[in-house]
Amino acid sequence: MKTKYLITIIGLGILLGIGSFFVPSQNTAATEAKLISNDTPVGGDFTLTAADGKHSLSDFKNKLVLIYFGYTYCPDICPTNLGNLSVAYRQLTPEEKAKIQILFISVDPERDTPKRLKQYSDYFESNIIGLTADPATIAEISRHYGVVYAKVDDPNNGTNYAVDHSAFTYVVDQQGKLREQLPHATHPEQFIKTIRKYLEN
């Protein structure tokens, strides 16, 4: 019994550890989970599809790149993060804007088409490129960046499902190296401070 109890406690500890990377939805019944975590995300290059064709991270060499993983049907987490980032972007000078690129990568490739991602990204008016790919490719890139996400299964919702996902903004420097992760709901002023820190280097 003691052994069984110990195993249960260890299991709960692991789940709680994974959960610390999550921003959960209201529905907690998650299936088809892609629970991906890396203590030290390595980042790296990738190639994904936007409405205007293929884009690779390496296409933006010599620019500071801010990457956010989310999905267009997200009710609040994604709009909050992208909204704050957009407010920050609009306060930059034209010269600063020319030196950065914002990428929005969908963790819901089943519904987020390149066209839908463009419409969603354009709403924020912040030079955001919406990107997607097949589920396996998204999962692989997510592993490299330490992204955690899981489709929430609710038989009553049909295709109107939610996707639980981590909510970091990833900062990639001008040489394509992942430098830091900014937490959910980072204030626009903090975004500006971080952007200018790397642009000055």
Protein backbone atom coordinates (compact mmCIF):
# COMPACT_ATOMS: atom_id res chain seq x y z
CA MET A 1 0.00 0.00 0.00
CA LYS A 2 2.82 2.39 0.85
CA THR A 3 4.44 1.75 -2.50
CA LYS A 4 1.16 2.36 -4.34
CA TYR A 5 0.61 5.56 -2.37
CA LEU A 6 4.12 6.79 -3.16
CA ILE A 7 3.64 6.13 -6.87
CA THR A 8 0.38 8.10 -6.80
CA ILE A 9 2.08 11.06 -5.11
CA ILE A 10 4.93 11.02 -7.63
CA GLY A 11 2.43 10.89 -10.51
CA LEU A 12 0.54 13.88 -9.15
CA GLY A 13 3.78 15.77 -8.76
CA ILE A 14 4.66 15.18 -12.40
CA LEU A 15 1.23 16.34 -13.54
CA LEU A 16 1.46 19.46 -11.42
CA GLY A 17 4.88 20.15 -12.87
CA ILE A 18 3.48 19.91 -16.40
CA GLY A 19 0.53 22.02 -15.41
CA SER A 20 2.80 24.89 -14.41
CA PHE A 21 3.45 25.47 -18.10
CA PHE A 22 -0.26 25.53 -18.92
CA VAL A 23 -2.88 28.23 -19.27
CA PRO A 24 -5.96 25.95 -19.03
CA SER A 25 -9.37 26.55 -20.52
CA GLN A 26 -12.59 26.31 -18.53
CA ASN A 27 -13.09 22.70 -19.63
CA THR A 28 -10.53 20.42 -18.04
CA ALA A 29 -11.31 17.23 -19.99
CA ALA A 30 -8.34 17.26 -22.35
CA THR A 31 -7.73 14.53 -24.90
CA GLU A 32 -5.38 14.07 -27.83
CA ALA A 33 -2.89 15.77 -25.54
CA LYS A 34 0.41 17.00 -26.85
CA LEU A 35 2.01 17.69 -23.49
CA ILE A 36 5.43 18.88 -24.48
CA SER A 37 7.89 20.40 -22.07
CA ASN A 38 11.57 21.20 -22.15
CA ASP A 39 13.46 22.45 -19.13
CA THR A 40 15.79 24.27 -21.51
CA PRO A 41 14.07 24.96 -24.85
CA VAL A 42 16.57 24.98 -27.69
CA GLY A 43 14.50 26.83 -30.30
CA GLY A 44 15.86 26.55 -33.82
CA ASP A 45 14.89 27.10 -37.43
CA PHE A 46 11.60 25.94 -38.94
CA THR A 47 9.56 26.34 -42.11
CA LEU A 48 5.80 26.89 -41.97
CA THR A 49 3.01 28.08 -44.25
CA ALA A 50 1.35 31.49 -44.30
CA ALA A 51 -1.29 32.91 -46.64
CA ASP A 52 1.46 34.20 -48.95
CA GLY A 53 3.50 30.98 -48.97
CA LYS A 54 6.32 29.37 -47.03
CA HIS A 55 8.29 31.21 -44.36
CA SER A 56 11.34 30.05 -42.42
CA LEU A 57 12.69 31.55 -39.23
CA SER A 58 16.01 31.96 -41.05
CA ASP A 59 14.27 34.29 -43.55
CA PHE A 60 14.30 36.90 -40.79
CA LYS A 61 18.01 36.75 -39.99
CA ASN A 62 19.26 40.12 -38.74
CA LYS A 63 15.81 40.88 -37.34
CA LEU A 64 14.57 40.40 -33.80
CA VAL A 65 11.75 37.84 -33.92
CA LEU A 66 8.94 37.50 -31.39
CA ILE A 67 7.09 34.18 -31.60
CA TYR A 68 3.76 33.36 -30.02
CA PHE A 69 2.05 29.94 -30.14
CA GLY A 70 -1.75 30.00 -29.93
CA TYR A 71 -4.88 29.62 -32.05
CA THR A 72 -7.47 31.87 -33.64
CA TYR A 73 -10.46 30.48 -31.73
CA CYS A 74 -8.81 31.25 -28.39
CA PRO A 75 -11.34 33.22 -26.32
CA ASP A 76 -9.04 35.33 -24.15
CA ILE A 77 -5.43 34.23 -23.67
CA CYS A 78 -4.25 34.85 -27.24
CA PRO A 79 -6.11 38.15 -27.71
CA THR A 80 -4.61 39.44 -24.46
CA ASN A 81 -1.04 38.54 -25.38
CA LEU A 82 -1.25 39.63 -29.00
CA GLY A 83 -3.15 42.77 -28.01
CA ASN A 84 -0.43 43.82 -25.56
CA LEU A 85 2.24 43.03 -28.13
CA SER A 86 0.37 45.09 -30.72
CA VAL A 87 0.13 48.08 -28.39
CA ALA A 88 3.89 47.84 -27.87
CA TYR A 89 4.56 47.53 -31.61
CA ARG A 90 2.56 50.66 -32.42
CA GLN A 91 4.70 52.66 -29.98
CA LEU A 92 7.95 51.75 -31.73
CA THR A 93 9.64 54.06 -34.19
CA PRO A 94 9.51 53.20 -37.92
CA GLU A 95 13.19 52.30 -37.74
CA GLU A 96 12.56 49.90 -34.85
CA LYS A 97 9.56 48.32 -36.58
CA ALA A 98 11.72 47.58 -39.60
CA LYS A 99 14.07 45.55 -37.39
CA ILE A 100 11.54 43.17 -35.84
CA GLN A 101 9.11 40.46 -36.97
CA ILE A 102 6.21 38.93 -35.04
CA LEU A 103 5.19 35.34 -35.81
CA PHE A 104 1.96 33.70 -34.65
CA ILE A 105 2.16 29.89 -34.87
CA SER A 106 -1.09 27.94 -34.63
CA VAL A 107 -1.36 24.95 -32.30
CA ASP A 108 -4.73 24.19 -33.91
CA PRO A 109 -3.80 23.25 -37.49
CA GLU A 110 -7.11 21.39 -37.95
CA ARG A 111 -9.06 24.67 -38.04
CA ASP A 112 -6.49 27.42 -38.54
CA THR A 113 -5.98 27.69 -42.27
CA PRO A 114 -3.41 30.15 -43.65
CA LYS A 115 -6.26 32.41 -44.81
CA ARG A 116 -7.91 32.42 -41.41
CA LEU A 117 -4.58 33.08 -39.70
CA LYS A 118 -3.97 36.09 -41.95
CA GLN A 119 -7.41 37.53 -41.21
CA TYR A 120 -6.85 37.03 -37.49
CA SER A 121 -3.31 38.42 -37.50
CA ASP A 122 -4.28 41.46 -39.58
CA TYR A 123 -6.84 42.38 -36.94
CA PHE A 124 -3.99 43.33 -34.60
CA GLU A 125 -2.31 45.58 -37.21
CA SER A 126 1.14 44.69 -35.98
CA ASN A 127 2.95 43.09 -38.90
CA ILE A 128 2.12 39.64 -37.55
CA ILE A 129 2.58 36.64 -39.85
CA GLY A 130 0.23 33.75 -39.05
CA LEU A 131 1.80 30.34 -39.66
CA THR A 132 0.62 26.74 -39.71
CA ALA A 133 1.56 23.25 -40.91
CA ASP A 134 0.49 19.65 -40.47
CA PRO A 135 0.04 18.48 -36.84
CA ALA A 136 3.29 16.50 -36.79
CA THR A 137 5.34 19.51 -37.87
CA ILE A 138 3.68 21.76 -35.29
CA ALA A 139 4.36 19.15 -32.59
CA GLU A 140 8.03 18.94 -33.57
CA ILE A 141 8.54 22.71 -33.51
CA SER A 142 6.68 22.92 -30.21
CA ARG A 143 9.09 20.40 -28.68
CA HIS A 144 12.03 22.56 -29.66
CA TYR A 145 10.46 25.64 -28.07
CA GLY A 146 9.11 23.91 -24.97
CA VAL A 147 5.50 24.66 -25.89
CA VAL A 148 2.73 22.78 -24.11
CA TYR A 149 -0.70 22.32 -25.68
CA ALA A 150 -3.63 19.91 -25.62
CA LYS A 151 -6.94 19.73 -27.42
CA VAL A 152 -9.88 19.82 -25.00
CA ASP A 153 -12.46 17.20 -25.84
CA ASP A 154 -16.10 17.98 -25.12
CA PRO A 155 -18.66 15.85 -27.00
CA ASN A 156 -21.20 18.63 -26.66
CA ASN A 157 -19.04 21.14 -28.54
CA GLY A 158 -18.26 19.24 -31.74
CA THR A 159 -15.77 21.30 -33.74
CA ASN A 160 -16.12 24.19 -31.33
CA TYR A 161 -13.40 22.81 -29.06
CA ALA A 162 -10.76 24.64 -27.04
CA VAL A 163 -7.02 24.08 -26.97
CA ASP A 164 -5.17 24.46 -23.70
CA HIS A 165 -1.75 25.95 -24.36
CA SER A 166 1.21 27.64 -22.75
CA ALA A 167 1.33 31.38 -23.32
CA PHE A 168 4.92 32.53 -23.56
CA THR A 169 6.23 35.00 -26.10
CA TYR A 170 9.58 33.70 -27.37
CA VAL A 171 12.33 36.19 -28.13
CA VAL A 172 14.71 35.11 -30.89
CA ASP A 173 17.70 37.33 -31.58
CA GLN A 174 19.09 38.51 -34.89
CA GLN A 175 21.21 35.36 -35.23
CA GLY A 176 18.21 33.06 -34.79
CA LYS A 177 19.02 32.10 -31.18
CA LEU A 178 16.23 31.72 -28.63
CA ARG A 179 17.12 34.17 -25.88
CA GLU A 180 14.20 34.35 -23.46
CA GLN A 181 10.51 33.69 -22.81
CA LEU A 182 8.16 36.45 -21.73
CA PRO A 183 5.19 35.32 -19.60
CA HIS A 184 1.49 35.56 -20.33
CA ALA A 185 0.00 39.07 -20.18
CA THR A 186 3.38 40.79 -20.40
CA HIS A 187 2.69 44.53 -20.26
CA PRO A 188 3.29 46.57 -23.45
CA GLU A 189 5.97 48.61 -21.69
CA GLN A 190 7.86 45.42 -20.84
CA PHE A 191 7.62 44.31 -24.47
CA ILE A 192 9.07 47.64 -25.57
CA LYS A 193 11.86 47.44 -23.01
CA THR A 194 12.77 43.90 -24.11
CA ILE A 195 12.66 44.76 -27.82
CA ARG A 196 14.89 47.79 -27.39
CA LYS A 197 17.33 45.82 -25.26
CA TYR A 198 18.01 43.45 -28.14
CA LEU A 199 17.91 46.09 -30.85
CA GLU A 200 20.63 48.03 -29.04
CA ASN A 201 22.98 45.01 -28.90
